Amino acid sequence: MDQKSVRAGQDKDMEQVMGNLLRYGVILAAIVASAGGIMYLVLHGGDAQPSYAIFNGEPERYKSLQGVLQGVKVFDTSSIMQLGVLLLIATPIARILFSILSFMREKDYLYVIISTIVILIIAFSLFNGLGG
């Protein structure tokens, strides 16, 4: 086998792994969020109708990863649904991080730089709003 066909096989393997990462990440996020939603409906489905005249924002415990994980430990249904959303957000981020490692392994430094810039932009946008 020549070098070109070996590299094509490795690229195909990387595409397969990245596709599976996205697929399973979305499936896991859907399962977690759905489980939390079903639990919420079972426990609170018959509660009184909320008043929409007054806006009530999210409680502080849902605004940090630590707060969400603490809620999941005690089976707080809203925390479980929030964890599903966080897993959904984390899935493409994990794919980008995996891409950076793959490109480093292949010594494709242009794509390492581009992927690193993308992950830095995402990190900035995620963490920039925490202070406000």
N, C-alpha and C. Protein backbone atom coordinates (compact mmCIF):
# COMPACT_ATOMS: atom_id res chain seq x y z
N MET A 1 0.84 -1.19 0.00
CA MET A 1 0.00 0.00 0.00
C MET A 1 0.88 1.25 0.00
N ASP A 2 0.46 2.20 -0.76
CA ASP A 2 1.22 3.43 -0.77
C ASP A 2 0.74 4.37 0.35
N GLN A 3 1.52 5.40 0.57
CA GLN A 3 1.27 6.35 1.67
C GLN A 3 -0.09 7.03 1.54
N LYS A 4 -0.49 7.32 0.30
CA LYS A 4 -1.74 8.03 0.05
C LYS A 4 -2.96 7.19 0.46
N SER A 5 -2.94 5.90 0.13
CA SER A 5 -4.09 5.05 0.48
C SER A 5 -4.14 4.77 1.98
N VAL A 6 -2.98 4.72 2.65
CA VAL A 6 -2.97 4.55 4.10
C VAL A 6 -3.58 5.77 4.78
N ARG A 7 -3.21 6.95 4.30
CA ARG A 7 -3.76 8.19 4.88
C ARG A 7 -5.26 8.29 4.62
N ALA A 8 -5.71 7.87 3.44
CA ALA A 8 -7.14 7.89 3.14
C ALA A 8 -7.89 6.96 4.08
N GLY A 9 -7.31 5.80 4.40
CA GLY A 9 -7.94 4.88 5.34
C GLY A 9 -8.00 5.47 6.74
N GLN A 10 -6.95 6.16 7.15
CA GLN A 10 -6.95 6.81 8.46
C GLN A 10 -7.97 7.93 8.52
N ASP A 11 -8.09 8.70 7.44
CA ASP A 11 -9.08 9.78 7.39
C ASP A 11 -10.49 9.20 7.51
N LYS A 12 -10.73 8.09 6.83
CA LYS A 12 -12.05 7.45 6.89
C LYS A 12 -12.34 6.97 8.31
N ASP A 13 -11.32 6.42 8.98
CA ASP A 13 -11.49 5.97 10.37
C ASP A 13 -11.81 7.15 11.29
N MET A 14 -11.10 8.28 11.09
CA MET A 14 -11.35 9.47 11.90
C MET A 14 -12.76 9.99 11.69
N GLU A 15 -13.20 10.00 10.43
CA GLU A 15 -14.56 10.45 10.14
C GLU A 15 -15.59 9.56 10.83
N GLN A 16 -15.32 8.27 10.85
CA GLN A 16 -16.22 7.31 11.50
C GLN A 16 -16.27 7.56 13.01
N VAL A 17 -15.12 7.77 13.61
CA VAL A 17 -15.07 8.02 15.05
C VAL A 17 -15.77 9.34 15.39
N MET A 18 -15.53 10.38 14.61
CA MET A 18 -16.17 11.67 14.87
C MET A 18 -17.67 11.61 14.65
N GLY A 19 -18.09 10.87 13.64
CA GLY A 19 -19.52 10.69 13.41
C GLY A 19 -20.19 9.97 14.57
N ASN A 20 -19.53 8.92 15.06
CA ASN A 20 -20.05 8.19 16.21
C ASN A 20 -20.08 9.06 17.46
N LEU A 21 -19.06 9.88 17.64
CA LEU A 21 -19.03 10.79 18.79
C LEU A 21 -20.24 11.71 18.78
N LEU A 22 -20.52 12.30 17.64
CA LEU A 22 -21.69 13.19 17.53
C LEU A 22 -22.99 12.41 17.71
N ARG A 23 -23.09 11.27 17.05
CA ARG A 23 -24.31 10.48 17.11
C ARG A 23 -24.62 10.05 18.55
N TYR A 24 -23.64 9.45 19.20
CA TYR A 24 -23.88 8.95 20.56
C TYR A 24 -24.04 10.08 21.57
N GLY A 25 -23.37 11.20 21.33
CA GLY A 25 -23.54 12.35 22.21
C GLY A 25 -24.96 12.89 22.17
N VAL A 26 -25.51 13.00 20.96
CA VAL A 26 -26.88 13.49 20.81
C VAL A 26 -27.88 12.48 21.39
N ILE A 27 -27.64 11.20 21.14
CA ILE A 27 -28.54 10.17 21.69
C ILE A 27 -28.51 10.21 23.22
N LEU A 28 -27.32 10.29 23.81
CA LEU A 28 -27.22 10.35 25.27
C LEU A 28 -27.91 11.58 25.82
N ALA A 29 -27.71 12.73 25.18
CA ALA A 29 -28.35 13.96 25.62
C ALA A 29 -29.87 13.84 25.54
N ALA A 30 -30.37 13.23 24.47
CA ALA A 30 -31.82 13.05 24.31
C ALA A 30 -32.38 12.12 25.38
N ILE A 31 -31.65 11.06 25.68
CA ILE A 31 -32.11 10.11 26.71
C ILE A 31 -32.16 10.78 28.07
N VAL A 32 -31.11 11.52 28.42
CA VAL A 32 -31.05 12.18 29.72
C VAL A 32 -32.15 13.23 29.84
N ALA A 33 -32.28 14.09 28.82
CA ALA A 33 -33.30 15.14 28.86
C ALA A 33 -34.71 14.54 28.88
N SER A 34 -34.93 13.50 28.10
CA SER A 34 -36.25 12.85 28.08
C SER A 34 -36.56 12.19 29.41
N ALA A 35 -35.58 11.53 30.01
CA ALA A 35 -35.80 10.90 31.32
C ALA A 35 -36.16 11.96 32.35
N GLY A 36 -35.45 13.09 32.34
CA GLY A 36 -35.78 14.18 33.26
C GLY A 36 -37.16 14.74 33.00
N GLY A 37 -37.52 14.88 31.72
CA GLY A 37 -38.85 15.39 31.37
C GLY A 37 -39.97 14.45 31.79
N ILE A 38 -39.77 13.17 31.56
CA ILE A 38 -40.78 12.19 31.97
C ILE A 38 -40.93 12.17 33.48
N MET A 39 -39.79 12.19 34.19
CA MET A 39 -39.85 12.22 35.66
C MET A 39 -40.56 13.48 36.14
N TYR A 40 -40.28 14.60 35.49
CA TYR A 40 -40.92 15.86 35.86
C TYR A 40 -42.43 15.77 35.69
N LEU A 41 -42.86 15.24 34.56
CA LEU A 41 -44.30 15.12 34.30
C LEU A 41 -44.98 14.16 35.27
N VAL A 42 -44.31 13.08 35.60
CA VAL A 42 -44.88 12.13 36.57
C VAL A 42 -45.03 12.79 37.94
N LEU A 43 -44.03 13.54 38.35
CA LEU A 43 -44.05 14.14 39.69
C LEU A 43 -44.83 15.45 39.76
N HIS A 44 -44.81 16.24 38.69
CA HIS A 44 -45.38 17.59 38.74
C HIS A 44 -46.41 17.87 37.65
N GLY A 45 -46.82 16.85 36.90
CA GLY A 45 -47.73 17.06 35.79
C GLY A 45 -49.08 17.62 36.19
N GLY A 46 -49.52 17.31 37.39
CA GLY A 46 -50.83 17.78 37.83
C GLY A 46 -50.78 19.01 38.71
N ASP A 47 -49.61 19.64 38.82
CA ASP A 47 -49.49 20.83 39.66
C ASP A 47 -50.36 21.96 39.11
N ALA A 48 -50.59 22.94 39.94
CA ALA A 48 -51.41 24.10 39.55
C ALA A 48 -50.76 24.83 38.37
N GLN A 49 -51.59 25.46 37.58
CA GLN A 49 -51.14 26.22 36.41
C GLN A 49 -50.27 27.39 36.88
N PRO A 50 -49.06 27.56 36.31
CA PRO A 50 -48.21 28.68 36.72
C PRO A 50 -48.79 30.02 36.27
N SER A 51 -48.45 31.04 37.02
CA SER A 51 -48.88 32.39 36.65
C SER A 51 -47.83 32.99 35.72
N TYR A 52 -48.25 33.36 34.53
CA TYR A 52 -47.33 33.94 33.56
C TYR A 52 -47.30 35.47 33.61
N ALA A 53 -48.01 36.05 34.57
CA ALA A 53 -48.02 37.50 34.70
C ALA A 53 -46.70 38.02 35.27
N ILE A 54 -46.01 37.18 36.03
CA ILE A 54 -44.74 37.56 36.64
C ILE A 54 -43.66 36.64 36.09
N PHE A 55 -42.57 37.26 35.60
CA PHE A 55 -41.45 36.48 35.07
C PHE A 55 -40.58 35.99 36.21
N ASN A 56 -40.35 34.70 36.25
CA ASN A 56 -39.43 34.10 37.20
C ASN A 56 -38.30 33.45 36.42
N GLY A 57 -37.11 33.99 36.54
CA GLY A 57 -35.96 33.42 35.83
C GLY A 57 -35.53 32.10 36.44
N GLU A 58 -34.50 31.52 35.84
CA GLU A 58 -33.98 30.26 36.34
C GLU A 58 -33.35 30.46 37.71
N PRO A 59 -33.54 29.50 38.61
CA PRO A 59 -32.86 29.58 39.90
C PRO A 59 -31.34 29.49 39.71
N GLU A 60 -30.60 29.99 40.65
CA GLU A 60 -29.14 30.03 40.58
C GLU A 60 -28.53 28.65 40.41
N ARG A 61 -29.16 27.63 40.96
CA ARG A 61 -28.57 26.28 40.90
C ARG A 61 -28.46 25.74 39.48
N TYR A 62 -29.22 26.30 38.54
CA TYR A 62 -29.16 25.84 37.15
C TYR A 62 -28.17 26.65 36.32
N LYS A 63 -27.50 27.61 36.93
CA LYS A 63 -26.60 28.48 36.18
C LYS A 63 -25.14 28.06 36.27
N SER A 64 -24.87 26.94 36.95
CA SER A 64 -23.50 26.44 37.02
C SER A 64 -23.51 24.92 36.88
N LEU A 65 -22.43 24.40 36.37
CA LEU A 65 -22.31 22.95 36.21
C LEU A 65 -22.37 22.26 37.57
N GLN A 66 -21.72 22.86 38.56
CA GLN A 66 -21.71 22.29 39.90
C GLN A 66 -23.13 22.21 40.47
N GLY A 67 -23.91 23.27 40.28
CA GLY A 67 -25.28 23.28 40.78
C GLY A 67 -26.14 22.23 40.09
N VAL A 68 -25.96 22.08 38.78
CA VAL A 68 -26.73 21.08 38.03
C VAL A 68 -26.36 19.68 38.52
N LEU A 69 -25.06 19.41 38.67
CA LEU A 69 -24.63 18.08 39.11
C LEU A 69 -25.10 17.77 40.53
N GLN A 70 -25.12 18.77 41.40
CA GLN A 70 -25.65 18.55 42.74
C GLN A 70 -27.14 18.21 42.69
N GLY A 71 -27.88 18.87 41.81
CA GLY A 71 -29.29 18.56 41.63
C GLY A 71 -29.51 17.17 41.07
N VAL A 72 -28.65 16.74 40.15
CA VAL A 72 -28.76 15.40 39.57
C VAL A 72 -28.55 14.34 40.65
N LYS A 73 -27.61 14.60 41.57
CA LYS A 73 -27.33 13.64 42.65
C LYS A 73 -28.56 13.34 43.50
N VAL A 74 -29.43 14.34 43.65
CA VAL A 74 -30.63 14.15 44.47
C VAL A 74 -31.87 13.94 43.59
N PHE A 75 -31.65 13.62 42.31
CA PHE A 75 -32.71 13.33 41.35
C PHE A 75 -33.71 14.47 41.18
N ASP A 76 -33.19 15.71 41.17
CA ASP A 76 -34.02 16.87 40.85
C ASP A 76 -34.30 16.82 39.35
N THR A 77 -35.58 16.73 39.00
CA THR A 77 -35.94 16.51 37.60
C THR A 77 -35.50 17.65 36.68
N SER A 78 -35.60 18.87 37.15
CA SER A 78 -35.16 20.01 36.33
C SER A 78 -33.65 19.98 36.10
N SER A 79 -32.90 19.53 37.10
CA SER A 79 -31.45 19.40 36.95
C SER A 79 -31.10 18.32 35.94
N ILE A 80 -31.87 17.24 35.92
CA ILE A 80 -31.63 16.17 34.96
C ILE A 80 -31.89 16.67 33.55
N MET A 81 -32.96 17.42 33.36
CA MET A 81 -33.23 17.98 32.03
C MET A 81 -32.12 18.95 31.63
N GLN A 82 -31.67 19.76 32.57
CA GLN A 82 -30.59 20.72 32.30
C GLN A 82 -29.30 19.99 31.93
N LEU A 83 -29.04 18.85 32.58
CA LEU A 83 -27.86 18.05 32.25
C LEU A 83 -27.95 17.56 30.81
N GLY A 84 -29.14 17.17 30.36
CA GLY A 84 -29.32 16.76 28.97
C GLY A 84 -28.97 17.88 28.01
N VAL A 85 -29.37 19.10 28.34
CA VAL A 85 -29.04 20.25 27.50
C VAL A 85 -27.53 20.49 27.50
N LEU A 86 -26.90 20.38 28.66
CA LEU A 86 -25.45 20.57 28.74
C LEU A 86 -24.71 19.50 27.93
N LEU A 87 -25.19 18.26 27.97
CA LEU A 87 -24.58 17.20 27.17
C LEU A 87 -24.72 17.50 25.67
N LEU A 88 -25.86 18.05 25.30
CA LEU A 88 -26.07 18.40 23.90
C LEU A 88 -25.10 19.50 23.47
N ILE A 89 -24.86 20.47 24.34
CA ILE A 89 -23.91 21.54 24.04
C ILE A 89 -22.48 20.99 24.01
N ALA A 90 -22.17 20.05 24.90
CA ALA A 90 -20.82 19.51 25.00
C ALA A 90 -20.44 18.61 23.83
N THR A 91 -21.43 18.04 23.15
CA THR A 91 -21.14 17.08 22.07
C THR A 91 -20.31 17.69 20.93
N PRO A 92 -20.72 18.80 20.33
CA PRO A 92 -19.87 19.35 19.26
C PRO A 92 -18.55 19.91 19.79
N ILE A 93 -18.53 20.34 21.04
CA ILE A 93 -17.27 20.81 21.62
C ILE A 93 -16.29 19.65 21.74
N ALA A 94 -16.80 18.49 22.17
CA ALA A 94 -15.94 17.30 22.25
C ALA A 94 -15.43 16.90 20.87
N ARG A 95 -16.27 17.08 19.87
CA ARG A 95 -15.85 16.76 18.50
C ARG A 95 -14.72 17.66 18.05
N ILE A 96 -14.81 18.94 18.37
CA ILE A 96 -13.74 19.87 17.99
C ILE A 96 -12.45 19.52 18.71
N LEU A 97 -12.54 19.21 20.01
CA LEU A 97 -11.34 18.81 20.75
C LEU A 97 -10.73 17.54 20.18
N PHE A 98 -11.57 16.58 19.81
CA PHE A 98 -11.08 15.36 19.17
C PHE A 98 -10.42 15.69 17.84
N SER A 99 -10.99 16.62 17.10
CA SER A 99 -10.41 17.03 15.82
C SER A 99 -9.02 17.62 16.01
N ILE A 100 -8.88 18.44 17.03
CA ILE A 100 -7.56 19.04 17.30
C ILE A 100 -6.53 17.94 17.54
N LEU A 101 -6.89 16.95 18.36
CA LEU A 101 -5.96 15.84 18.64
C LEU A 101 -5.66 15.04 17.37
N SER A 102 -6.68 14.83 16.56
CA SER A 102 -6.48 14.08 15.30
C SER A 102 -5.55 14.84 14.36
N PHE A 103 -5.77 16.13 14.23
CA PHE A 103 -4.93 16.93 13.34
C PHE A 103 -3.50 17.00 13.86
N MET A 104 -3.34 17.04 15.19
CA MET A 104 -1.99 17.05 15.75
C MET A 104 -1.29 15.72 15.44
N ARG A 105 -2.03 14.64 15.55
CA ARG A 105 -1.46 13.32 15.27
C ARG A 105 -1.04 13.21 13.81
N GLU A 106 -1.82 13.82 12.92
CA GLU A 106 -1.50 13.79 11.49
C GLU A 106 -0.51 14.88 11.09
N LYS A 107 -0.14 15.73 12.06
CA LYS A 107 0.78 16.85 11.81
C LYS A 107 0.24 17.82 10.78
N ASP A 108 -1.07 18.03 10.84
CA ASP A 108 -1.75 18.98 9.95
C ASP A 108 -1.99 20.25 10.75
N TYR A 109 -0.94 21.06 10.87
CA TYR A 109 -0.93 22.17 11.82
C TYR A 109 -1.85 23.32 11.42
N LEU A 110 -2.12 23.48 10.14
CA LEU A 110 -3.06 24.52 9.73
C LEU A 110 -4.44 24.25 10.36
N TYR A 111 -4.89 22.99 10.28
CA TYR A 111 -6.18 22.66 10.85
C TYR A 111 -6.16 22.63 12.37
N VAL A 112 -5.01 22.36 12.97
CA VAL A 112 -4.88 22.47 14.42
C VAL A 112 -5.13 23.93 14.83
N ILE A 113 -4.53 24.85 14.10
CA ILE A 113 -4.69 26.28 14.41
C ILE A 113 -6.14 26.71 14.20
N ILE A 114 -6.74 26.31 13.09
CA ILE A 114 -8.13 26.69 12.81
C ILE A 114 -9.07 26.12 13.87
N SER A 115 -8.90 24.85 14.20
CA SER A 115 -9.76 24.22 15.21
C SER A 115 -9.56 24.84 16.59
N THR A 116 -8.33 25.20 16.90
CA THR A 116 -8.05 25.86 18.18
C THR A 116 -8.72 27.22 18.25
N ILE A 117 -8.69 27.96 17.15
CA ILE A 117 -9.38 29.26 17.11
C ILE A 117 -10.88 29.07 17.32
N VAL A 118 -11.44 28.05 16.68
CA VAL A 118 -12.88 27.78 16.85
C VAL A 118 -13.20 27.46 18.30
N ILE A 119 -12.41 26.61 18.94
CA ILE A 119 -12.70 26.23 20.33
C ILE A 119 -12.50 27.43 21.26
N LEU A 120 -11.56 28.30 20.95
CA LEU A 120 -11.37 29.50 21.77
C LEU A 120 -12.56 30.46 21.62
N ILE A 121 -13.09 30.58 20.43
CA ILE A 121 -14.28 31.42 20.22
C ILE A 121 -15.46 30.86 20.99
N ILE A 122 -15.64 29.55 20.93
CA ILE A 122 -16.75 28.92 21.68
C ILE A 122 -16.56 29.12 23.18
N ALA A 123 -15.34 28.90 23.66
CA ALA A 123 -15.07 29.08 25.10
C ALA A 123 -15.32 30.52 25.52
N PHE A 124 -14.89 31.46 24.71
CA PHE A 124 -15.11 32.87 25.03
C PHE A 124 -16.60 33.17 25.11
N SER A 125 -17.35 32.68 24.13
CA SER A 125 -18.79 32.98 24.13
C SER A 125 -19.51 32.28 25.27
N LEU A 126 -19.07 31.09 25.66
CA LEU A 126 -19.71 30.40 26.78
C LEU A 126 -19.41 31.07 28.12
N PHE A 127 -18.15 31.46 28.31
CA PHE A 127 -17.75 31.98 29.62
C PHE A 127 -17.87 33.49 29.74
N ASN A 128 -18.03 34.19 28.63
CA ASN A 128 -18.13 35.64 28.67
C ASN A 128 -19.42 36.09 29.36
N GLY A 129 -20.49 35.34 29.23
CA GLY A 129 -21.77 35.72 29.80
C GLY A 129 -21.93 35.36 31.27
N LEU A 130 -20.97 34.69 31.88
CA LEU A 130 -21.11 34.25 33.26
C LEU A 130 -21.08 35.41 34.25
N GLY A 131 -20.37 36.47 33.93
CA GLY A 131 -20.26 37.59 34.87
C GLY A 131 -21.49 38.47 34.88
N GLY A 132 -22.27 38.44 33.82
CA GLY A 132 -23.38 39.36 33.68
C GLY A 132 -24.64 38.85 34.24
